[in-house]
Amino acid sequence: MTILVPTARFAPAPSRCCSLVLRLIRAQNDPVRDRLRSCLLAQTDERLRESLGFSEVDIRTLRSG
């Protein structure tokens, strides 16, 4: 049995949003995603960046969406 261990983490391209943000923005009539988006919007930009790993593009998209 072979176990593969990732040696590096790849960050998303700076010009693109992460798929989580895109799914939250595109959600229509989904109360769970609306609640999650509301919780994320209540966080500061600094917390979104440092604790959750959001990029500047992610934060701008989330706040404008």
Protein backbone atom coordinates (compact mmCIF):
# COMPACT_ATOMS: atom_id res chain seq x y z
CA MET A 1 0.00 0.00 0.00
CA THR A 2 1.37 3.38 -1.00
CA ILE A 3 0.58 6.49 1.02
CA LEU A 4 0.99 9.81 -0.70
CA VAL A 5 1.81 12.78 1.48
CA PRO A 6 1.32 16.25 0.02
CA THR A 7 4.53 18.23 0.11
CA ALA A 8 3.15 21.66 -0.72
CA ARG A 9 -0.12 23.52 -0.58
CA PHE A 10 -1.21 25.29 -3.70
CA ALA A 11 -3.06 28.56 -3.26
CA PRO A 12 -5.82 29.42 -5.71
CA ALA A 13 -4.91 31.81 -8.48
CA PRO A 14 -5.23 35.39 -7.22
CA SER A 15 -7.60 36.35 -10.02
CA ARG A 16 -10.15 33.66 -9.10
CA CYS A 17 -12.46 33.13 -6.18
CA CYS A 18 -12.54 29.92 -4.23
CA SER A 19 -15.38 27.59 -5.04
CA LEU A 20 -16.97 28.04 -1.59
CA VAL A 21 -17.46 31.77 -2.15
CA LEU A 22 -18.81 31.21 -5.65
CA ARG A 23 -21.31 28.60 -4.43
CA LEU A 24 -22.48 30.88 -1.62
CA ILE A 25 -22.97 33.80 -4.01
CA ARG A 26 -24.80 31.72 -6.61
CA ALA A 27 -27.11 30.00 -4.11
CA GLN A 28 -30.77 30.74 -4.74
CA ASN A 29 -33.42 29.99 -2.11
CA ASP A 30 -31.05 27.93 0.03
CA PRO A 31 -31.47 28.82 3.72
CA VAL A 32 -28.37 26.91 4.83
CA ARG A 33 -26.08 28.73 2.41
CA ASP A 34 -27.76 32.03 3.30
CA ARG A 35 -27.00 31.44 7.00
CA LEU A 36 -23.40 30.51 6.25
CA ARG A 37 -22.96 33.58 4.08
CA SER A 38 -24.43 35.76 6.85
CA CYS A 39 -22.00 34.27 9.38
CA LEU A 40 -19.06 34.93 7.07
CA LEU A 41 -20.20 38.49 6.40
CA ALA A 42 -20.25 39.13 10.15
CA GLN A 43 -16.51 38.33 10.37
CA THR A 44 -13.81 40.95 9.92
CA ASP A 45 -11.66 40.91 6.79
CA GLU A 46 -8.63 40.16 8.94
CA ARG A 47 -10.26 37.05 10.43
CA LEU A 48 -11.41 35.85 7.01
CA ARG A 49 -7.86 36.21 5.70
CA GLU A 50 -5.85 34.86 8.62
CA SER A 51 -8.09 32.23 10.19
CA LEU A 52 -10.07 31.00 7.20
CA GLY A 53 -7.56 31.56 4.39
CA PHE A 54 -9.73 33.75 2.18
CA SER A 55 -7.96 35.84 -0.46
CA GLU A 56 -8.67 39.51 -1.10
CA VAL A 57 -10.67 38.51 -4.19
CA ASP A 58 -12.74 36.08 -2.11
CA ILE A 59 -13.54 38.76 0.46
CA ARG A 60 -14.47 41.37 -2.15
CA THR A 61 -16.70 38.89 -3.96
CA LEU A 62 -18.36 37.75 -0.75
CA ARG A 63 -19.04 41.33 0.39
CA SER A 64 -20.28 42.53 -3.01
CA GLY A 65 -22.29 39.42 -3.88
